[in-house]
mmCIF file of all heavy atoms, coordinates in Angstrom:
data_MODEL
# 
_entry.id   MODEL 
# 
loop_
_atom_site.group_PDB 
_atom_site.id 
_atom_site.type_symbol 
_atom_site.label_atom_id 
_atom_site.label_alt_id 
_atom_site.label_comp_id 
_atom_site.label_asym_id 
_atom_site.label_entity_id 
_atom_site.label_seq_id 
_atom_site.pdbx_PDB_ins_code 
_atom_site.Cartn_x 
_atom_site.Cartn_y 
_atom_site.Cartn_z 
_atom_site.occupancy 
_atom_site.B_iso_or_equiv 
_atom_site.pdbx_formal_charge 
_atom_site.auth_seq_id 
_atom_site.auth_comp_id 
_atom_site.auth_asym_id 
_atom_site.auth_atom_id 
_atom_site.pdbx_PDB_model_num 
ATOM 1   N N   . ALA A 1 1  ? -2.724  23.256 10.125  1.00 0.00 ? 1  ALA A N   1 
ATOM 2   C CA  . ALA A 1 1  ? -2.861  22.754 8.753   1.00 0.00 ? 1  ALA A CA  1 
ATOM 3   C C   . ALA A 1 1  ? -4.015  23.452 8.032   1.00 0.00 ? 1  ALA A C   1 
ATOM 4   O O   . ALA A 1 1  ? -5.037  23.776 8.630   1.00 0.00 ? 1  ALA A O   1 
ATOM 5   C CB  . ALA A 1 1  ? -3.101  21.248 8.768   1.00 0.00 ? 1  ALA A CB  1 
ATOM 6   N N   . SER A 1 2  ? -3.842  23.680 6.741   1.00 0.00 ? 2  SER A N   1 
ATOM 7   C CA  . SER A 1 2  ? -4.914  24.230 5.918   1.00 0.00 ? 2  SER A CA  1 
ATOM 8   C C   . SER A 1 2  ? -4.618  23.916 4.463   1.00 0.00 ? 2  SER A C   1 
ATOM 9   O O   . SER A 1 2  ? -3.502  23.534 4.105   1.00 0.00 ? 2  SER A O   1 
ATOM 10  C CB  . SER A 1 2  ? -5.054  25.744 6.117   1.00 0.00 ? 2  SER A CB  1 
ATOM 11  O OG  . SER A 1 2  ? -3.888  26.419 5.675   1.00 0.00 ? 2  SER A OG  1 
ATOM 12  N N   . ALA A 1 3  ? -5.638  24.075 3.629   1.00 0.00 ? 3  ALA A N   1 
ATOM 13  C CA  . ALA A 1 3  ? -5.461  23.831 2.200   1.00 0.00 ? 3  ALA A CA  1 
ATOM 14  C C   . ALA A 1 3  ? -6.368  24.787 1.434   1.00 0.00 ? 3  ALA A C   1 
ATOM 15  O O   . ALA A 1 3  ? -7.407  25.210 1.937   1.00 0.00 ? 3  ALA A O   1 
ATOM 16  C CB  . ALA A 1 3  ? -5.802  22.387 1.847   1.00 0.00 ? 3  ALA A CB  1 
ATOM 17  N N   . ARG A 1 4  ? -5.953  25.123 0.234   1.00 0.00 ? 4  ARG A N   1 
ATOM 18  C CA  . ARG A 1 4  ? -6.702  26.066 -0.599  1.00 0.00 ? 4  ARG A CA  1 
ATOM 19  C C   . ARG A 1 4  ? -7.125  25.400 -1.905  1.00 0.00 ? 4  ARG A C   1 
ATOM 20  O O   . ARG A 1 4  ? -6.497  24.448 -2.358  1.00 0.00 ? 4  ARG A O   1 
ATOM 21  C CB  . ARG A 1 4  ? -5.849  27.299 -0.917  1.00 0.00 ? 4  ARG A CB  1 
ATOM 22  C CG  . ARG A 1 4  ? -5.427  28.100 0.312   1.00 0.00 ? 4  ARG A CG  1 
ATOM 23  C CD  . ARG A 1 4  ? -4.461  29.207 -0.068  1.00 0.00 ? 4  ARG A CD  1 
ATOM 24  N NE  . ARG A 1 4  ? -3.956  29.917 1.081   1.00 0.00 ? 4  ARG A NE  1 
ATOM 25  C CZ  . ARG A 1 4  ? -4.424  31.090 1.516   1.00 0.00 ? 4  ARG A CZ  1 
ATOM 26  N NH1 . ARG A 1 4  ? -5.422  31.674 0.869   1.00 0.00 ? 4  ARG A NH1 1 
ATOM 27  N NH2 . ARG A 1 4  ? -3.911  31.681 2.580   1.00 0.00 ? 4  ARG A NH2 1 
ATOM 28  N N   . ALA A 1 5  ? -8.181  25.935 -2.475  1.00 0.00 ? 5  ALA A N   1 
ATOM 29  C CA  . ALA A 1 5  ? -8.623  25.551 -3.825  1.00 0.00 ? 5  ALA A CA  1 
ATOM 30  C C   . ALA A 1 5  ? -9.145  26.835 -4.445  1.00 0.00 ? 5  ALA A C   1 
ATOM 31  O O   . ALA A 1 5  ? -10.316 27.166 -4.326  1.00 0.00 ? 5  ALA A O   1 
ATOM 32  C CB  . ALA A 1 5  ? -9.707  24.486 -3.756  1.00 0.00 ? 5  ALA A CB  1 
ATOM 33  N N   . GLN A 1 6  ? -8.259  27.565 -5.087  1.00 0.00 ? 6  GLN A N   1 
ATOM 34  C CA  . GLN A 1 6  ? -8.618  28.889 -5.581  1.00 0.00 ? 6  GLN A CA  1 
ATOM 35  C C   . GLN A 1 6  ? -9.132  28.850 -7.017  1.00 0.00 ? 6  GLN A C   1 
ATOM 36  O O   . GLN A 1 6  ? -8.728  28.000 -7.807  1.00 0.00 ? 6  GLN A O   1 
ATOM 37  C CB  . GLN A 1 6  ? -7.415  29.827 -5.477  1.00 0.00 ? 6  GLN A CB  1 
ATOM 38  C CG  . GLN A 1 6  ? -7.030  30.151 -4.040  1.00 0.00 ? 6  GLN A CG  1 
ATOM 39  C CD  . GLN A 1 6  ? -5.877  31.112 -3.947  1.00 0.00 ? 6  GLN A CD  1 
ATOM 40  O OE1 . GLN A 1 6  ? -4.792  30.840 -4.461  1.00 0.00 ? 6  GLN A OE1 1 
ATOM 41  N NE2 . GLN A 1 6  ? -6.095  32.240 -3.284  1.00 0.00 ? 6  GLN A NE2 1 
ATOM 42  N N   . GLY A 1 7  ? -9.993  29.780 -7.339  1.00 0.00 ? 7  GLY A N   1 
ATOM 43  C CA  . GLY A 1 7  ? -10.521 29.885 -8.692  1.00 0.00 ? 7  GLY A CA  1 
ATOM 44  C C   . GLY A 1 7  ? -11.980 30.298 -8.677  1.00 0.00 ? 7  GLY A C   1 
ATOM 45  O O   . GLY A 1 7  ? -12.619 30.334 -7.613  1.00 0.00 ? 7  GLY A O   1 
ATOM 46  N N   . PRO A 1 8  ? -12.534 30.625 -9.842  1.00 0.00 ? 8  PRO A N   1 
ATOM 47  C CA  . PRO A 1 8  ? -13.951 30.989 -9.931  1.00 0.00 ? 8  PRO A CA  1 
ATOM 48  C C   . PRO A 1 8  ? -14.827 29.861 -9.409  1.00 0.00 ? 8  PRO A C   1 
ATOM 49  O O   . PRO A 1 8  ? -14.590 28.689 -9.715  1.00 0.00 ? 8  PRO A O   1 
ATOM 50  C CB  . PRO A 1 8  ? -14.166 31.209 -11.432 1.00 0.00 ? 8  PRO A CB  1 
ATOM 51  C CG  . PRO A 1 8  ? -12.799 31.490 -11.978 1.00 0.00 ? 8  PRO A CG  1 
ATOM 52  C CD  . PRO A 1 8  ? -11.853 30.680 -11.145 1.00 0.00 ? 8  PRO A CD  1 
ATOM 53  N N   . ILE A 1 9  ? -15.824 30.197 -8.631  1.00 0.00 ? 9  ILE A N   1 
ATOM 54  C CA  . ILE A 1 9  ? -16.637 29.165 -7.988  1.00 0.00 ? 9  ILE A CA  1 
ATOM 55  C C   . ILE A 1 9  ? -17.312 28.247 -8.999  1.00 0.00 ? 9  ILE A C   1 
ATOM 56  O O   . ILE A 1 9  ? -17.505 27.055 -8.754  1.00 0.00 ? 9  ILE A O   1 
ATOM 57  C CB  . ILE A 1 9  ? -17.662 29.811 -7.033  1.00 0.00 ? 9  ILE A CB  1 
ATOM 58  C CG1 . ILE A 1 9  ? -18.238 28.757 -6.087  1.00 0.00 ? 9  ILE A CG1 1 
ATOM 59  C CG2 . ILE A 1 9  ? -18.758 30.552 -7.806  1.00 0.00 ? 9  ILE A CG2 1 
ATOM 60  C CD1 . ILE A 1 9  ? -18.953 29.340 -4.895  1.00 0.00 ? 9  ILE A CD1 1 
ATOM 61  N N   . ALA A 1 10 ? -17.641 28.779 -10.172 1.00 0.00 ? 10 ALA A N   1 
ATOM 62  C CA  . ALA A 1 10 ? -18.301 27.967 -11.200 1.00 0.00 ? 10 ALA A CA  1 
ATOM 63  C C   . ALA A 1 10 ? -17.358 26.962 -11.840 1.00 0.00 ? 10 ALA A C   1 
ATOM 64  O O   . ALA A 1 10 ? -17.809 26.048 -12.541 1.00 0.00 ? 10 ALA A O   1 
ATOM 65  C CB  . ALA A 1 10 ? -18.896 28.869 -12.281 1.00 0.00 ? 10 ALA A CB  1 
ATOM 66  N N   . GLU A 1 11 ? -16.061 27.116 -11.590 1.00 0.00 ? 11 GLU A N   1 
ATOM 67  C CA  . GLU A 1 11 ? -15.075 26.254 -12.234 1.00 0.00 ? 11 GLU A CA  1 
ATOM 68  C C   . GLU A 1 11 ? -14.315 25.359 -11.256 1.00 0.00 ? 11 GLU A C   1 
ATOM 69  O O   . GLU A 1 11 ? -13.463 24.567 -11.666 1.00 0.00 ? 11 GLU A O   1 
ATOM 70  C CB  . GLU A 1 11 ? -14.072 27.116 -13.011 1.00 0.00 ? 11 GLU A CB  1 
ATOM 71  C CG  . GLU A 1 11 ? -14.721 27.964 -14.101 1.00 0.00 ? 11 GLU A CG  1 
ATOM 72  C CD  . GLU A 1 11 ? -13.742 28.922 -14.753 1.00 0.00 ? 11 GLU A CD  1 
ATOM 73  O OE1 . GLU A 1 11 ? -12.523 28.757 -14.544 1.00 0.00 ? 11 GLU A OE1 1 
ATOM 74  O OE2 . GLU A 1 11 ? -14.193 29.841 -15.470 1.00 0.00 ? 11 GLU A OE2 1 
ATOM 75  N N   . LEU A 1 12 ? -14.604 25.458 -9.975  1.00 0.00 ? 12 LEU A N   1 
ATOM 76  C CA  . LEU A 1 12 ? -13.859 24.689 -8.984  1.00 0.00 ? 12 LEU A CA  1 
ATOM 77  C C   . LEU A 1 12 ? -14.162 23.192 -9.095  1.00 0.00 ? 12 LEU A C   1 
ATOM 78  O O   . LEU A 1 12 ? -15.316 22.795 -9.286  1.00 0.00 ? 12 LEU A O   1 
ATOM 79  C CB  . LEU A 1 12 ? -14.190 25.168 -7.573  1.00 0.00 ? 12 LEU A CB  1 
ATOM 80  C CG  . LEU A 1 12 ? -13.624 26.527 -7.167  1.00 0.00 ? 12 LEU A CG  1 
ATOM 81  C CD1 . LEU A 1 12 ? -14.186 26.943 -5.815  1.00 0.00 ? 12 LEU A CD1 1 
ATOM 82  C CD2 . LEU A 1 12 ? -12.096 26.492 -7.116  1.00 0.00 ? 12 LEU A CD2 1 
ATOM 83  N N   . ASP A 1 13 ? -13.132 22.382 -8.942  1.00 0.00 ? 13 ASP A N   1 
ATOM 84  C CA  . ASP A 1 13 ? -13.278 20.936 -8.945  1.00 0.00 ? 13 ASP A CA  1 
ATOM 85  C C   . ASP A 1 13 ? -13.809 20.477 -7.581  1.00 0.00 ? 13 ASP A C   1 
ATOM 86  O O   . ASP A 1 13 ? -13.211 20.780 -6.546  1.00 0.00 ? 13 ASP A O   1 
ATOM 87  C CB  . ASP A 1 13 ? -11.923 20.271 -9.216  1.00 0.00 ? 13 ASP A CB  1 
ATOM 88  C CG  . ASP A 1 13 ? -11.991 18.776 -9.079  1.00 0.00 ? 13 ASP A CG  1 
ATOM 89  O OD1 . ASP A 1 13 ? -12.704 18.132 -9.864  1.00 0.00 ? 13 ASP A OD1 1 
ATOM 90  O OD2 . ASP A 1 13 ? -11.328 18.244 -8.150  1.00 0.00 ? 13 ASP A OD2 1 
ATOM 91  N N   . PRO A 1 14 ? -14.927 19.760 -7.535  1.00 0.00 ? 14 PRO A N   1 
ATOM 92  C CA  . PRO A 1 14 ? -15.517 19.374 -6.253  1.00 0.00 ? 14 PRO A CA  1 
ATOM 93  C C   . PRO A 1 14 ? -14.587 18.591 -5.345  1.00 0.00 ? 14 PRO A C   1 
ATOM 94  O O   . PRO A 1 14 ? -14.572 18.804 -4.123  1.00 0.00 ? 14 PRO A O   1 
ATOM 95  C CB  . PRO A 1 14 ? -16.735 18.530 -6.663  1.00 0.00 ? 14 PRO A CB  1 
ATOM 96  C CG  . PRO A 1 14 ? -17.103 19.051 -8.012  1.00 0.00 ? 14 PRO A CG  1 
ATOM 97  C CD  . PRO A 1 14 ? -15.790 19.389 -8.667  1.00 0.00 ? 14 PRO A CD  1 
ATOM 98  N N   . GLU A 1 15 ? -13.796 17.681 -5.893  1.00 0.00 ? 15 GLU A N   1 
ATOM 99  C CA  . GLU A 1 15 ? -12.912 16.881 -5.046  1.00 0.00 ? 15 GLU A CA  1 
ATOM 100 C C   . GLU A 1 15 ? -11.782 17.723 -4.460  1.00 0.00 ? 15 GLU A C   1 
ATOM 101 O O   . GLU A 1 15 ? -11.354 17.499 -3.333  1.00 0.00 ? 15 GLU A O   1 
ATOM 102 C CB  . GLU A 1 15 ? -12.350 15.693 -5.833  1.00 0.00 ? 15 GLU A CB  1 
ATOM 103 C CG  . GLU A 1 15 ? -13.365 14.609 -6.085  1.00 0.00 ? 15 GLU A CG  1 
ATOM 104 C CD  . GLU A 1 15 ? -14.033 14.129 -4.799  1.00 0.00 ? 15 GLU A CD  1 
ATOM 105 O OE1 . GLU A 1 15 ? -13.305 13.854 -3.812  1.00 0.00 ? 15 GLU A OE1 1 
ATOM 106 O OE2 . GLU A 1 15 ? -15.279 14.045 -4.767  1.00 0.00 ? 15 GLU A OE2 1 
ATOM 107 N N   . THR A 1 16 ? -11.306 18.695 -5.228  1.00 0.00 ? 16 THR A N   1 
ATOM 108 C CA  . THR A 1 16 ? -10.279 19.588 -4.709  1.00 0.00 ? 16 THR A CA  1 
ATOM 109 C C   . THR A 1 16 ? -10.841 20.428 -3.570  1.00 0.00 ? 16 THR A C   1 
ATOM 110 O O   . THR A 1 16 ? -10.178 20.654 -2.550  1.00 0.00 ? 16 THR A O   1 
ATOM 111 C CB  . THR A 1 16 ? -9.750  20.497 -5.824  1.00 0.00 ? 16 THR A CB  1 
ATOM 112 O OG1 . THR A 1 16 ? -9.250  19.694 -6.888  1.00 0.00 ? 16 THR A OG1 1 
ATOM 113 C CG2 . THR A 1 16 ? -8.624  21.392 -5.311  1.00 0.00 ? 16 THR A CG2 1 
ATOM 114 N N   . VAL A 1 17 ? -12.079 20.882 -3.727  1.00 0.00 ? 17 VAL A N   1 
ATOM 115 C CA  . VAL A 1 17 ? -12.736 21.643 -2.668  1.00 0.00 ? 17 VAL A CA  1 
ATOM 116 C C   . VAL A 1 17 ? -12.973 20.768 -1.446  1.00 0.00 ? 17 VAL A C   1 
ATOM 117 O O   . VAL A 1 17 ? -12.746 21.184 -0.305  1.00 0.00 ? 17 VAL A O   1 
ATOM 118 C CB  . VAL A 1 17 ? -14.068 22.239 -3.179  1.00 0.00 ? 17 VAL A CB  1 
ATOM 119 C CG1 . VAL A 1 17 ? -14.850 22.877 -2.031  1.00 0.00 ? 17 VAL A CG1 1 
ATOM 120 C CG2 . VAL A 1 17 ? -13.801 23.263 -4.269  1.00 0.00 ? 17 VAL A CG2 1 
ATOM 121 N N   . ARG A 1 18 ? -13.421 19.537 -1.677  1.00 0.00 ? 18 ARG A N   1 
ATOM 122 C CA  . ARG A 1 18 ? -13.643 18.611 -0.563  1.00 0.00 ? 18 ARG A CA  1 
ATOM 123 C C   . ARG A 1 18 ? -12.359 18.433 0.259   1.00 0.00 ? 18 ARG A C   1 
ATOM 124 O O   . ARG A 1 18 ? -12.373 18.452 1.496   1.00 0.00 ? 18 ARG A O   1 
ATOM 125 C CB  . ARG A 1 18 ? -14.116 17.254 -1.089  1.00 0.00 ? 18 ARG A CB  1 
ATOM 126 C CG  . ARG A 1 18 ? -14.534 16.281 0.035   1.00 0.00 ? 18 ARG A CG  1 
ATOM 127 C CD  . ARG A 1 18 ? -14.603 14.859 -0.505  1.00 0.00 ? 18 ARG A CD  1 
ATOM 128 N NE  . ARG A 1 18 ? -15.544 14.728 -1.599  1.00 0.00 ? 18 ARG A NE  1 
ATOM 129 C CZ  . ARG A 1 18 ? -16.843 14.490 -1.454  1.00 0.00 ? 18 ARG A CZ  1 
ATOM 130 N NH1 . ARG A 1 18 ? -17.351 14.367 -0.250  1.00 0.00 ? 18 ARG A NH1 1 
ATOM 131 N NH2 . ARG A 1 18 ? -17.626 14.374 -2.516  1.00 0.00 ? 18 ARG A NH2 1 
ATOM 132 N N   . ASN A 1 19 ? -11.245 18.255 -0.430  1.00 0.00 ? 19 ASN A N   1 
ATOM 133 C CA  . ASN A 1 19 ? -9.972  18.070 0.260   1.00 0.00 ? 19 ASN A CA  1 
ATOM 134 C C   . ASN A 1 19 ? -9.576  19.327 1.040   1.00 0.00 ? 19 ASN A C   1 
ATOM 135 O O   . ASN A 1 19 ? -9.090  19.235 2.173   1.00 0.00 ? 19 ASN A O   1 
ATOM 136 C CB  . ASN A 1 19 ? -8.871  17.724 -0.734  1.00 0.00 ? 19 ASN A CB  1 
ATOM 137 C CG  . ASN A 1 19 ? -7.520  17.590 -0.074  1.00 0.00 ? 19 ASN A CG  1 
ATOM 138 O OD1 . ASN A 1 19 ? -7.261  16.649 0.670   1.00 0.00 ? 19 ASN A OD1 1 
ATOM 139 N ND2 . ASN A 1 19 ? -6.627  18.549 -0.311  1.00 0.00 ? 19 ASN A ND2 1 
ATOM 140 N N   . ALA A 1 20 ? -9.777  20.501 0.430   1.00 0.00 ? 20 ALA A N   1 
ATOM 141 C CA  . ALA A 1 20 ? -9.417  21.748 1.104   1.00 0.00 ? 20 ALA A CA  1 
ATOM 142 C C   . ALA A 1 20 ? -10.197 21.917 2.402   1.00 0.00 ? 20 ALA A C   1 
ATOM 143 O O   . ALA A 1 20 ? -9.638  22.297 3.443   1.00 0.00 ? 20 ALA A O   1 
ATOM 144 C CB  . ALA A 1 20 ? -9.654  22.941 0.183   1.00 0.00 ? 20 ALA A CB  1 
ATOM 145 N N   . ILE A 1 21 ? -11.494 21.632 2.352   1.00 0.00 ? 21 ILE A N   1 
ATOM 146 C CA  . ILE A 1 21 ? -12.315 21.744 3.556   1.00 0.00 ? 21 ILE A CA  1 
ATOM 147 C C   . ILE A 1 21 ? -11.914 20.687 4.582   1.00 0.00 ? 21 ILE A C   1 
ATOM 148 O O   . ILE A 1 21 ? -11.874 20.953 5.794   1.00 0.00 ? 21 ILE A O   1 
ATOM 149 C CB  . ILE A 1 21 ? -13.804 21.632 3.200   1.00 0.00 ? 21 ILE A CB  1 
ATOM 150 C CG1 . ILE A 1 21 ? -14.229 22.794 2.299   1.00 0.00 ? 21 ILE A CG1 1 
ATOM 151 C CG2 . ILE A 1 21 ? -14.665 21.598 4.460   1.00 0.00 ? 21 ILE A CG2 1 
ATOM 152 C CD1 . ILE A 1 21 ? -15.631 22.660 1.736   1.00 0.00 ? 21 ILE A CD1 1 
ATOM 153 N N   . ALA A 1 22 ? -11.598 19.495 4.102   1.00 0.00 ? 22 ALA A N   1 
ATOM 154 C CA  . ALA A 1 22 ? -11.193 18.420 5.015   1.00 0.00 ? 22 ALA A CA  1 
ATOM 155 C C   . ALA A 1 22 ? -9.930  18.783 5.779   1.00 0.00 ? 22 ALA A C   1 
ATOM 156 O O   . ALA A 1 22 ? -9.833  18.572 6.992   1.00 0.00 ? 22 ALA A O   1 
ATOM 157 C CB  . ALA A 1 22 ? -10.977 17.124 4.233   1.00 0.00 ? 22 ALA A CB  1 
ATOM 158 N N   . VAL A 1 23 ? -8.949  19.347 5.085   1.00 0.00 ? 23 VAL A N   1 
ATOM 159 C CA  . VAL A 1 23 ? -7.693  19.702 5.752   1.00 0.00 ? 23 VAL A CA  1 
ATOM 160 C C   . VAL A 1 23 ? -7.903  20.869 6.714   1.00 0.00 ? 23 VAL A C   1 
ATOM 161 O O   . VAL A 1 23 ? -7.463  20.828 7.872   1.00 0.00 ? 23 VAL A O   1 
ATOM 162 C CB  . VAL A 1 23 ? -6.606  20.048 4.713   1.00 0.00 ? 23 VAL A CB  1 
ATOM 163 C CG1 . VAL A 1 23 ? -5.350  20.569 5.407   1.00 0.00 ? 23 VAL A CG1 1 
ATOM 164 C CG2 . VAL A 1 23 ? -6.267  18.828 3.863   1.00 0.00 ? 23 VAL A CG2 1 
ATOM 165 N N   . SER A 1 24 ? -8.576  21.919 6.262   1.00 0.00 ? 24 SER A N   1 
ATOM 166 C CA  . SER A 1 24 ? -8.730  23.109 7.090   1.00 0.00 ? 24 SER A CA  1 
ATOM 167 C C   . SER A 1 24 ? -9.650  22.894 8.281   1.00 0.00 ? 24 SER A C   1 
ATOM 168 O O   . SER A 1 24 ? -9.405  23.447 9.355   1.00 0.00 ? 24 SER A O   1 
ATOM 169 C CB  . SER A 1 24 ? -9.269  24.274 6.246   1.00 0.00 ? 24 SER A CB  1 
ATOM 170 O OG  . SER A 1 24 ? -8.328  24.688 5.285   1.00 0.00 ? 24 SER A OG  1 
ATOM 171 N N   . ALA A 1 25 ? -10.713 22.099 8.112   1.00 0.00 ? 25 ALA A N   1 
ATOM 172 C CA  . ALA A 1 25 ? -11.729 21.995 9.155   1.00 0.00 ? 25 ALA A CA  1 
ATOM 173 C C   . ALA A 1 25 ? -11.860 20.602 9.769   1.00 0.00 ? 25 ALA A C   1 
ATOM 174 O O   . ALA A 1 25 ? -11.772 20.459 10.990  1.00 0.00 ? 25 ALA A O   1 
ATOM 175 C CB  . ALA A 1 25 ? -13.079 22.426 8.591   1.00 0.00 ? 25 ALA A CB  1 
# 
């Protein structure tokens, strides 16, 4: 399982990033 949250780092949504890290790691 893995998840992505692509886009410029200055524009990434924190909750989307949190979920991506949760799924992948």
